[in-house]
Each structure stands twice: as C-alpha cells, then as structure tokens.
C-alpha cells in the first residue's frame, strides 16, 4: 500500500476549518475514508472536540468524542467508511513530524494492524505520511498528481516531480 487519494473538497475543507480556528493551539482529529488494495482514500475528517486537550505544542485527542463521529460515519456508509488515520496542525512551526508524533503513529498502526495515514498542516505546508505496522516503517508521501477533483500522494522518485496539491 503506497498511495493516498484525497478528494479536493476534503483538502480545501480541512484547510478552511483549521484557518478559522484558534491559531495559537494545535488542533486535530480523525481521517475517515476507504481502504483500497493499493492505498487509502480520504473522504472526511473529524474536527476538534471540546474534550480534546490542546496547547501551542501538543494536541491530545479524546478518543470517545471522535470515535462516536467515526462510528456514525461507518453506520451511515453501511460499514464501508473506516478510520484510516489522523490529522493535526503545527501552528508555530513547520509540518515535519516530531518524535512524539511518530511514536504515536507507530502505536496507532500497531493497534489497528493496518497502515494508517497521518497529515500535519502548518503555515509552511503539509506533511503526509503512511505508517505501516509490520514492518514498522513511516513512508513520507508527496503529491504526485492533482486535478480539480482530487490529489494523489505517493512515493516520489525525485524532487522535480512534486506537484502543488491545494490550488
């Protein structure tokens, strides 16, 4: 599994929701979508809940509120929408994952026994990574194709093939 497909409307909605929120604290939530043979397709996300803990350098998701939203989406989709990853912001820095971020991603992928996608948004750009549980490896992804409907993230063989995905 090496690809992540994100609907353009989902990308723009996530950017718009995070720009309108408190810029000084991190925020985050779940990523929802479909598991495909060669990758994941992000179709939705949860927003920060009142019970989450947020500061300028940390976001701790309260699993109960987000789980209820994910279960609702799962039920409405007749069991096809899944929890496929998580997103959060880095309002005070770049989008590179911290050692805490990576440790949490390993723990979550081991819990689910499935690859999980992780997004970090910052004013300086996006980080998209695919965490595998066995063997434990984090694969940084880049936008390799984009059109008016969706952006495709994958392993890019060289830097000159990068594509700007949010325009």
N, C-alpha and C. Protein backbone atom coordinates (compact mmCIF):
# COMPACT_ATOMS: atom_id res chain seq x y z
N UNK A 1 0.85 -1.17 0.00
CA UNK A 1 0.00 0.00 0.00
C UNK A 1 0.89 1.23 0.00
N UNK A 2 0.80 2.02 -1.07
CA UNK A 2 1.72 3.15 -1.19
C UNK A 2 1.07 4.46 -1.60
N UNK A 3 -0.24 4.52 -1.75
CA UNK A 3 -0.89 5.73 -2.22
C UNK A 3 -1.95 6.22 -1.26
N UNK A 4 -2.15 7.55 -1.26
CA UNK A 4 -3.25 8.16 -0.53
C UNK A 4 -3.93 9.13 -1.48
N UNK A 5 -5.22 8.93 -1.69
CA UNK A 5 -6.04 9.78 -2.54
C UNK A 5 -6.91 10.65 -1.64
N UNK A 6 -6.89 11.96 -1.91
CA UNK A 6 -7.68 12.89 -1.10
C UNK A 6 -8.56 13.70 -2.04
N UNK A 7 -9.86 13.67 -1.79
CA UNK A 7 -10.77 14.49 -2.57
C UNK A 7 -10.42 15.95 -2.35
N UNK A 8 -10.39 16.73 -3.43
CA UNK A 8 -10.02 18.15 -3.35
C UNK A 8 -10.93 18.89 -2.38
N UNK A 9 -12.22 18.57 -2.39
CA UNK A 9 -13.14 19.25 -1.47
C UNK A 9 -12.78 18.96 -0.02
N UNK A 10 -12.27 17.78 0.27
CA UNK A 10 -11.85 17.44 1.63
C UNK A 10 -10.60 18.23 2.00
N UNK A 11 -9.63 18.31 1.09
CA UNK A 11 -8.42 19.11 1.34
C UNK A 11 -8.76 20.56 1.65
N UNK A 12 -9.59 21.15 0.81
CA UNK A 12 -9.94 22.56 0.99
C UNK A 12 -10.75 22.78 2.25
N UNK A 13 -11.66 21.87 2.54
CA UNK A 13 -12.47 21.98 3.74
C UNK A 13 -11.60 21.90 5.00
N UNK A 14 -10.64 20.98 5.01
CA UNK A 14 -9.74 20.85 6.16
C UNK A 14 -8.90 22.12 6.32
N UNK A 15 -8.38 22.64 5.24
CA UNK A 15 -7.61 23.88 5.31
C UNK A 15 -8.48 25.03 5.82
N UNK A 16 -9.69 25.15 5.31
CA UNK A 16 -10.59 26.24 5.73
C UNK A 16 -10.97 26.12 7.19
N UNK A 17 -11.26 24.92 7.65
CA UNK A 17 -11.66 24.71 9.04
C UNK A 17 -10.51 25.04 9.99
N UNK A 18 -9.29 24.70 9.62
CA UNK A 18 -8.17 24.95 10.52
C UNK A 18 -7.73 26.41 10.49
N UNK A 19 -7.91 27.10 9.38
CA UNK A 19 -7.57 28.52 9.32
C UNK A 19 -8.49 29.35 10.20
N UNK A 20 -9.74 28.95 10.31
CA UNK A 20 -10.72 29.70 11.09
C UNK A 20 -10.66 29.43 12.58
N UNK A 21 -9.90 28.43 12.99
CA UNK A 21 -9.81 28.07 14.40
C UNK A 21 -8.71 28.88 15.09
N UNK A 22 -8.60 28.69 16.38
CA UNK A 22 -7.58 29.36 17.18
C UNK A 22 -6.19 29.01 16.64
N UNK A 23 -5.46 30.03 16.20
CA UNK A 23 -4.17 29.79 15.55
C UNK A 23 -3.06 29.46 16.54
N UNK A 24 -3.23 29.76 17.82
CA UNK A 24 -2.14 29.54 18.74
C UNK A 24 -2.05 28.10 19.25
N UNK A 25 -3.12 27.34 19.23
CA UNK A 25 -3.09 25.97 19.73
C UNK A 25 -3.17 24.96 18.59
N UNK A 26 -2.52 23.81 18.79
CA UNK A 26 -2.66 22.72 17.83
C UNK A 26 -4.11 22.25 17.86
N UNK A 27 -4.53 21.67 16.77
CA UNK A 27 -5.85 21.06 16.67
C UNK A 27 -5.73 19.81 15.81
N UNK A 28 -6.71 18.93 15.90
CA UNK A 28 -6.61 17.71 15.13
C UNK A 28 -7.88 16.88 15.19
N UNK A 29 -7.79 15.70 14.58
CA UNK A 29 -8.93 14.80 14.55
C UNK A 29 -8.61 13.55 13.76
N UNK A 30 -9.64 12.79 13.48
CA UNK A 30 -9.51 11.55 12.73
C UNK A 30 -9.64 11.82 11.24
N UNK A 31 -9.06 10.94 10.44
CA UNK A 31 -9.28 10.92 8.99
C UNK A 31 -10.15 9.71 8.69
N UNK A 32 -11.17 9.91 7.90
CA UNK A 32 -12.12 8.85 7.55
C UNK A 32 -12.09 8.61 6.06
N UNK A 33 -12.34 7.39 5.66
CA UNK A 33 -12.35 7.09 4.23
C UNK A 33 -12.36 5.61 3.96
N UNK A 34 -11.77 5.24 2.83
CA UNK A 34 -11.83 3.86 2.34
C UNK A 34 -10.44 3.25 2.25
N UNK A 35 -10.38 1.97 2.52
CA UNK A 35 -9.16 1.19 2.32
C UNK A 35 -9.28 0.49 0.98
N UNK A 36 -8.34 0.76 0.10
CA UNK A 36 -8.30 0.15 -1.23
C UNK A 36 -7.09 -0.77 -1.30
N UNK A 37 -7.02 -1.56 -2.35
CA UNK A 37 -5.91 -2.51 -2.50
C UNK A 37 -4.55 -1.81 -2.51
N UNK A 38 -4.43 -0.70 -3.24
CA UNK A 38 -3.13 -0.05 -3.36
C UNK A 38 -2.99 1.21 -2.51
N UNK A 39 -4.00 1.54 -1.72
CA UNK A 39 -3.88 2.74 -0.91
C UNK A 39 -5.12 3.08 -0.12
N UNK A 40 -5.12 4.29 0.38
CA UNK A 40 -6.21 4.81 1.20
C UNK A 40 -6.83 6.00 0.49
N UNK A 41 -8.14 6.17 0.67
CA UNK A 41 -8.85 7.31 0.10
C UNK A 41 -9.50 8.08 1.23
N UNK A 42 -9.04 9.31 1.45
CA UNK A 42 -9.59 10.16 2.50
C UNK A 42 -10.81 10.88 1.95
N UNK A 43 -11.94 10.71 2.64
CA UNK A 43 -13.18 11.36 2.21
C UNK A 43 -13.75 12.30 3.27
N UNK A 44 -13.22 12.23 4.49
CA UNK A 44 -13.75 13.08 5.55
C UNK A 44 -12.83 13.12 6.74
N UNK A 45 -13.22 13.89 7.74
CA UNK A 45 -12.40 14.06 8.94
C UNK A 45 -13.29 14.52 10.08
N UNK A 46 -12.80 14.34 11.30
CA UNK A 46 -13.49 14.90 12.45
C UNK A 46 -12.77 16.18 12.86
N UNK A 47 -13.51 17.07 13.45
CA UNK A 47 -12.97 18.33 13.94
C UNK A 47 -12.64 18.21 15.42
N UNK A 48 -11.82 19.12 15.96
CA UNK A 48 -11.52 19.08 17.39
C UNK A 48 -12.81 19.10 18.22
N UNK A 49 -12.79 18.36 19.31
CA UNK A 49 -13.92 18.27 20.22
C UNK A 49 -13.60 19.04 21.51
N UNK A 50 -14.63 19.43 22.23
CA UNK A 50 -14.43 20.19 23.47
C UNK A 50 -13.59 19.42 24.48
N UNK A 51 -13.66 18.11 24.45
CA UNK A 51 -12.94 17.28 25.43
C UNK A 51 -11.48 17.03 25.04
N UNK A 52 -11.05 17.50 23.87
CA UNK A 52 -9.65 17.36 23.47
C UNK A 52 -8.78 18.31 24.29
N UNK A 53 -7.51 17.99 24.40
CA UNK A 53 -6.55 18.83 25.09
C UNK A 53 -5.64 19.47 24.04
N UNK A 54 -5.56 20.79 24.04
CA UNK A 54 -4.76 21.48 23.03
C UNK A 54 -3.93 22.59 23.67
N UNK A 55 -2.69 22.70 23.19
CA UNK A 55 -1.80 23.78 23.58
C UNK A 55 -0.99 24.16 22.34
N UNK A 56 -0.13 25.17 22.43
CA UNK A 56 0.66 25.53 21.25
C UNK A 56 1.57 24.42 20.73
N UNK A 57 1.93 23.46 21.58
CA UNK A 57 2.87 22.42 21.17
C UNK A 57 2.33 21.00 21.23
N UNK A 58 1.05 20.84 21.58
CA UNK A 58 0.52 19.47 21.71
C UNK A 58 -0.98 19.45 21.44
N UNK A 59 -1.41 18.34 20.87
CA UNK A 59 -2.83 18.07 20.71
C UNK A 59 -3.07 16.64 21.16
N UNK A 60 -3.94 16.47 22.15
CA UNK A 60 -4.31 15.13 22.61
C UNK A 60 -5.80 14.95 22.36
N UNK A 61 -6.07 14.02 21.46
CA UNK A 61 -7.44 13.73 21.07
C UNK A 61 -8.11 12.90 22.15
N UNK A 62 -9.32 13.30 22.57
CA UNK A 62 -10.13 12.47 23.44
C UNK A 62 -10.83 11.46 22.53
N UNK A 63 -10.50 10.21 22.68
CA UNK A 63 -10.97 9.20 21.73
C UNK A 63 -12.49 9.03 21.71
N UNK A 64 -13.16 9.26 22.81
CA UNK A 64 -14.60 9.00 22.87
C UNK A 64 -15.42 9.85 21.89
N UNK A 65 -15.22 11.17 21.90
CA UNK A 65 -16.00 12.04 21.01
C UNK A 65 -15.72 11.76 19.55
N UNK A 66 -14.46 11.57 19.20
CA UNK A 66 -14.09 11.29 17.82
C UNK A 66 -14.59 9.90 17.39
N UNK A 67 -14.53 8.94 18.31
CA UNK A 67 -14.99 7.58 17.99
C UNK A 67 -16.48 7.58 17.68
N UNK A 68 -17.26 8.36 18.41
CA UNK A 68 -18.69 8.44 18.13
C UNK A 68 -18.96 8.97 16.74
N UNK A 69 -18.20 9.98 16.34
CA UNK A 69 -18.36 10.54 14.99
C UNK A 69 -17.94 9.53 13.92
N UNK A 70 -16.85 8.80 14.18
CA UNK A 70 -16.40 7.79 13.22
C UNK A 70 -17.42 6.65 13.11
N UNK A 71 -17.98 6.23 14.22
CA UNK A 71 -18.99 5.17 14.20
C UNK A 71 -20.25 5.62 13.47
N UNK A 72 -20.61 6.88 13.61
CA UNK A 72 -21.76 7.41 12.89
C UNK A 72 -21.50 7.35 11.38
N UNK A 73 -20.30 7.78 10.95
CA UNK A 73 -19.96 7.73 9.52
C UNK A 73 -19.92 6.29 9.02
N UNK A 74 -19.40 5.39 9.84
CA UNK A 74 -19.34 3.96 9.49
C UNK A 74 -20.76 3.41 9.29
N UNK A 75 -21.65 3.73 10.22
CA UNK A 75 -23.04 3.26 10.12
C UNK A 75 -23.76 3.83 8.92
N UNK A 76 -23.59 5.14 8.67
CA UNK A 76 -24.25 5.77 7.53
C UNK A 76 -23.74 5.22 6.20
N UNK A 77 -22.51 4.71 6.18
CA UNK A 77 -21.93 4.16 4.95
C UNK A 77 -22.17 2.65 4.83
N UNK A 78 -22.93 2.11 5.77
CA UNK A 78 -23.19 0.66 5.82
C UNK A 78 -21.90 -0.14 5.96
N UNK A 79 -21.00 0.39 6.79
CA UNK A 79 -19.78 -0.33 7.12
C UNK A 79 -18.64 -0.19 6.14
N UNK A 80 -18.69 0.80 5.24
CA UNK A 80 -17.60 0.93 4.26
C UNK A 80 -16.60 2.02 4.62
N UNK A 81 -17.02 3.06 5.33
CA UNK A 81 -16.10 4.12 5.75
C UNK A 81 -15.37 3.64 7.01
N UNK A 82 -14.06 3.85 7.01
CA UNK A 82 -13.22 3.36 8.10
C UNK A 82 -12.38 4.51 8.66
N UNK A 83 -11.87 4.32 9.85
CA UNK A 83 -10.88 5.22 10.43
C UNK A 83 -9.56 4.86 9.77
N UNK A 84 -9.01 5.77 8.97
CA UNK A 84 -7.81 5.44 8.21
C UNK A 84 -6.59 6.26 8.63
N UNK A 85 -6.77 7.18 9.57
CA UNK A 85 -5.63 7.95 10.02
C UNK A 85 -6.03 9.12 10.88
N UNK A 86 -5.08 10.03 11.06
CA UNK A 86 -5.31 11.20 11.89
C UNK A 86 -4.63 12.41 11.27
N UNK A 87 -5.10 13.58 11.68
CA UNK A 87 -4.52 14.84 11.24
C UNK A 87 -4.34 15.74 12.45
N UNK A 88 -3.37 16.64 12.36
CA UNK A 88 -3.25 17.71 13.34
C UNK A 88 -2.43 18.85 12.75
N UNK A 89 -2.43 19.97 13.46
CA UNK A 89 -1.73 21.16 12.98
C UNK A 89 -0.47 21.40 13.79
N UNK A 90 0.44 22.13 13.18
CA UNK A 90 1.62 22.68 13.86
C UNK A 90 1.58 24.19 13.62
N UNK A 91 0.82 24.92 14.44
CA UNK A 91 0.63 26.35 14.17
C UNK A 91 1.89 27.19 14.36
N UNK A 92 2.84 26.70 15.16
CA UNK A 92 4.02 27.51 15.47
C UNK A 92 5.27 27.07 14.73
N UNK A 93 5.14 26.17 13.77
CA UNK A 93 6.36 25.69 13.12
C UNK A 93 6.09 25.08 11.77
N UNK A 94 7.00 24.21 11.37
CA UNK A 94 6.83 23.56 10.08
C UNK A 94 5.98 22.30 10.23
N UNK A 95 5.76 21.61 9.14
CA UNK A 95 4.87 20.45 9.16
C UNK A 95 5.62 19.13 9.39
N UNK A 96 6.90 19.17 9.70
CA UNK A 96 7.65 17.93 9.95
C UNK A 96 7.16 17.27 11.23
N UNK A 97 7.02 15.93 11.22
CA UNK A 97 6.56 15.24 12.43
C UNK A 97 7.63 15.26 13.52
N UNK A 98 7.18 15.40 14.76
CA UNK A 98 8.07 15.33 15.92
C UNK A 98 8.29 13.86 16.30
N UNK A 99 9.21 13.62 17.19
CA UNK A 99 9.41 12.24 17.67
C UNK A 99 8.17 11.75 18.40
N UNK A 100 7.47 12.65 19.08
CA UNK A 100 6.21 12.29 19.75
C UNK A 100 5.16 11.90 18.72
N UNK A 101 5.06 12.66 17.63
CA UNK A 101 4.11 12.33 16.56
C UNK A 101 4.39 10.92 16.04
N UNK A 102 5.64 10.65 15.70
CA UNK A 102 5.99 9.36 15.11
C UNK A 102 5.72 8.22 16.09
N UNK A 103 6.05 8.40 17.36
CA UNK A 103 5.79 7.35 18.36
C UNK A 103 4.29 7.07 18.46
N UNK A 104 3.46 8.12 18.42
CA UNK A 104 2.01 7.92 18.46
C UNK A 104 1.52 7.20 17.22
N UNK A 105 2.07 7.53 16.07
CA UNK A 105 1.66 6.89 14.81
C UNK A 105 2.00 5.41 14.82
N UNK A 106 3.17 5.06 15.32
CA UNK A 106 3.55 3.63 15.42
C UNK A 106 2.55 2.91 16.33
N UNK A 107 2.24 3.53 17.47
CA UNK A 107 1.30 2.91 18.42
C UNK A 107 -0.07 2.71 17.78
N UNK A 108 -0.57 3.71 17.06
CA UNK A 108 -1.89 3.59 16.44
C UNK A 108 -1.91 2.54 15.34
N UNK A 109 -0.87 2.47 14.52
CA UNK A 109 -0.86 1.47 13.45
C UNK A 109 -0.70 0.06 14.02
N UNK A 110 0.01 -0.08 15.13
CA UNK A 110 0.09 -1.39 15.79
C UNK A 110 -1.26 -1.77 16.37
N UNK A 111 -1.99 -0.80 16.89
CA UNK A 111 -3.32 -1.05 17.46
C UNK A 111 -4.30 -1.55 16.38
N UNK A 112 -4.28 -0.88 15.23
CA UNK A 112 -5.24 -1.25 14.17
C UNK A 112 -4.76 -2.43 13.33
N UNK A 113 -3.45 -2.69 13.34
CA UNK A 113 -2.84 -3.74 12.50
C UNK A 113 -3.03 -3.44 11.01
N UNK A 114 -3.16 -2.15 10.69
CA UNK A 114 -3.36 -1.71 9.31
C UNK A 114 -2.52 -0.46 9.07
N UNK A 115 -2.16 -0.21 7.81
CA UNK A 115 -1.49 1.06 7.52
C UNK A 115 -2.43 2.23 7.84
N UNK A 116 -1.84 3.30 8.33
CA UNK A 116 -2.60 4.50 8.68
C UNK A 116 -1.92 5.71 8.05
N UNK A 117 -2.73 6.68 7.60
CA UNK A 117 -2.21 7.90 7.02
C UNK A 117 -2.25 9.01 8.08
N UNK A 118 -1.21 9.84 8.05
CA UNK A 118 -1.13 10.94 9.01
C UNK A 118 -0.80 12.22 8.27
N UNK A 119 -1.58 13.26 8.58
CA UNK A 119 -1.40 14.57 7.97
C UNK A 119 -1.03 15.58 9.05
N UNK A 120 -0.08 16.44 8.72
CA UNK A 120 0.24 17.59 9.57
C UNK A 120 0.11 18.82 8.70
N UNK A 121 -0.65 19.79 9.16
CA UNK A 121 -0.82 21.05 8.44
C UNK A 121 -0.10 22.15 9.19
N UNK A 122 0.62 22.99 8.46
CA UNK A 122 1.23 24.18 9.05
C UNK A 122 1.16 25.30 8.02
N UNK A 123 1.53 26.49 8.44
CA UNK A 123 1.54 27.62 7.51
C UNK A 123 2.58 27.42 6.42
N UNK A 124 3.54 26.54 6.66
CA UNK A 124 4.62 26.30 5.70
C UNK A 124 4.34 25.12 4.77
N UNK A 125 3.19 24.45 4.94
CA UNK A 125 2.85 23.35 4.05
C UNK A 125 2.25 22.16 4.77
N UNK A 126 2.20 21.06 4.05
CA UNK A 126 1.60 19.81 4.53
C UNK A 126 2.68 18.75 4.69
N UNK A 127 2.45 17.84 5.63
CA UNK A 127 3.22 16.60 5.70
C UNK A 127 2.20 15.48 5.56
N UNK A 128 2.46 14.54 4.68
CA UNK A 128 1.60 13.36 4.52
C UNK A 128 2.50 12.14 4.68
N UNK A 129 2.15 11.26 5.60
CA UNK A 129 2.94 10.06 5.83
C UNK A 129 2.05 8.84 5.98
N UNK A 130 2.58 7.71 5.55
CA UNK A 130 1.87 6.43 5.66
C UNK A 130 2.66 5.55 6.62
N UNK A 131 2.05 5.24 7.77
CA UNK A 131 2.70 4.42 8.79
C UNK A 131 2.25 2.98 8.64
N UNK A 132 3.22 2.09 8.43
CA UNK A 132 2.95 0.65 8.33
C UNK A 132 3.23 0.01 9.69
N UNK A 133 2.46 -1.03 10.02
CA UNK A 133 2.64 -1.68 11.32
C UNK A 133 3.63 -2.84 11.27
N UNK A 134 3.75 -3.50 10.14
CA UNK A 134 4.66 -4.64 10.05
C UNK A 134 5.22 -4.74 8.64
N UNK A 135 6.48 -4.46 8.44
CA UNK A 135 7.42 -3.95 9.45
C UNK A 135 7.10 -2.49 9.76
N UNK A 136 7.52 -2.05 10.93
CA UNK A 136 7.27 -0.68 11.35
C UNK A 136 8.08 0.25 10.47
N UNK A 137 7.39 1.01 9.62
CA UNK A 137 8.08 1.99 8.80
C UNK A 137 7.13 3.11 8.43
N UNK A 138 7.69 4.30 8.44
CA UNK A 138 6.95 5.50 8.06
C UNK A 138 7.41 5.90 6.67
N UNK A 139 6.47 6.02 5.74
CA UNK A 139 6.78 6.39 4.37
C UNK A 139 6.25 7.81 4.13
N UNK A 140 7.16 8.79 4.01
CA UNK A 140 6.72 10.15 3.67
C UNK A 140 6.19 10.15 2.23
N UNK A 141 5.07 10.82 2.02
CA UNK A 141 4.46 10.88 0.70
C UNK A 141 4.47 12.31 0.18
N UNK A 142 4.47 12.44 -1.14
CA UNK A 142 4.41 13.73 -1.80
C UNK A 142 3.27 13.71 -2.80
N UNK A 143 2.78 14.89 -3.12
CA UNK A 143 1.73 14.97 -4.13
C UNK A 143 2.35 14.64 -5.49
N UNK A 144 1.85 13.60 -6.12
CA UNK A 144 2.40 13.17 -7.41
C UNK A 144 1.44 13.45 -8.57
N UNK A 145 0.18 13.72 -8.24
CA UNK A 145 -0.78 14.05 -9.28
C UNK A 145 -1.94 14.81 -8.65
N UNK A 146 -2.46 15.79 -9.36
CA UNK A 146 -3.55 16.59 -8.83
C UNK A 146 -4.41 17.10 -9.98
N UNK A 147 -5.73 17.11 -9.76
CA UNK A 147 -6.64 17.73 -10.71
C UNK A 147 -7.72 18.45 -9.91
N UNK A 148 -8.77 18.90 -10.54
CA UNK A 148 -9.79 19.67 -9.85
C UNK A 148 -10.61 18.83 -8.87
N UNK A 149 -10.54 17.51 -8.97
CA UNK A 149 -11.33 16.65 -8.09
C UNK A 149 -10.56 16.04 -6.93
N UNK A 150 -9.29 15.75 -7.13
CA UNK A 150 -8.54 15.01 -6.11
C UNK A 150 -7.05 15.24 -6.23
N UNK A 151 -6.34 14.88 -5.16
CA UNK A 151 -4.88 14.89 -5.14
C UNK A 151 -4.42 13.49 -4.75
N UNK A 152 -3.40 13.01 -5.45
CA UNK A 152 -2.84 11.69 -5.20
C UNK A 152 -1.46 11.85 -4.59
N UNK A 153 -1.26 11.27 -3.42
CA UNK A 153 0.02 11.31 -2.73
C UNK A 153 0.66 9.93 -2.83
N UNK A 154 1.97 9.92 -3.07
CA UNK A 154 2.70 8.66 -3.16
C UNK A 154 4.19 8.92 -3.00
N UNK A 155 4.96 7.85 -3.13
CA UNK A 155 6.41 7.99 -3.09
C UNK A 155 6.86 8.62 -4.39
N UNK A 156 7.64 9.65 -4.28
CA UNK A 156 8.09 10.38 -5.46
C UNK A 156 9.57 10.06 -5.70
N UNK A 157 9.93 9.57 -6.88
CA UNK A 157 11.31 9.19 -7.13
C UNK A 157 12.29 10.36 -7.14
N UNK A 158 11.83 11.56 -7.49
CA UNK A 158 12.74 12.71 -7.44
C UNK A 158 11.96 14.00 -7.24
N UNK A 159 12.66 15.00 -6.72
CA UNK A 159 12.00 16.24 -6.31
C UNK A 159 11.34 17.02 -7.43
N UNK A 160 11.82 16.94 -8.65
CA UNK A 160 11.24 17.78 -9.68
C UNK A 160 9.86 17.30 -10.13
N UNK A 161 9.40 16.15 -9.61
CA UNK A 161 8.06 15.69 -9.94
C UNK A 161 7.00 16.14 -8.94
N UNK A 162 7.38 16.90 -7.91
CA UNK A 162 6.42 17.37 -6.92
C UNK A 162 5.35 18.22 -7.59
N UNK A 163 4.14 18.13 -7.08
CA UNK A 163 3.01 18.88 -7.61
C UNK A 163 2.37 19.64 -6.45
N UNK A 164 1.97 20.88 -6.65
CA UNK A 164 1.25 21.61 -5.62
C UNK A 164 -0.19 21.14 -5.63
N UNK A 165 -0.65 20.60 -4.51
CA UNK A 165 -1.93 19.90 -4.49
C UNK A 165 -3.10 20.72 -3.99
N UNK A 166 -2.89 21.87 -3.42
CA UNK A 166 -4.01 22.57 -2.79
C UNK A 166 -4.51 23.74 -3.62
N UNK A 167 -4.07 23.91 -4.84
CA UNK A 167 -4.57 25.02 -5.65
C UNK A 167 -5.72 24.57 -6.51
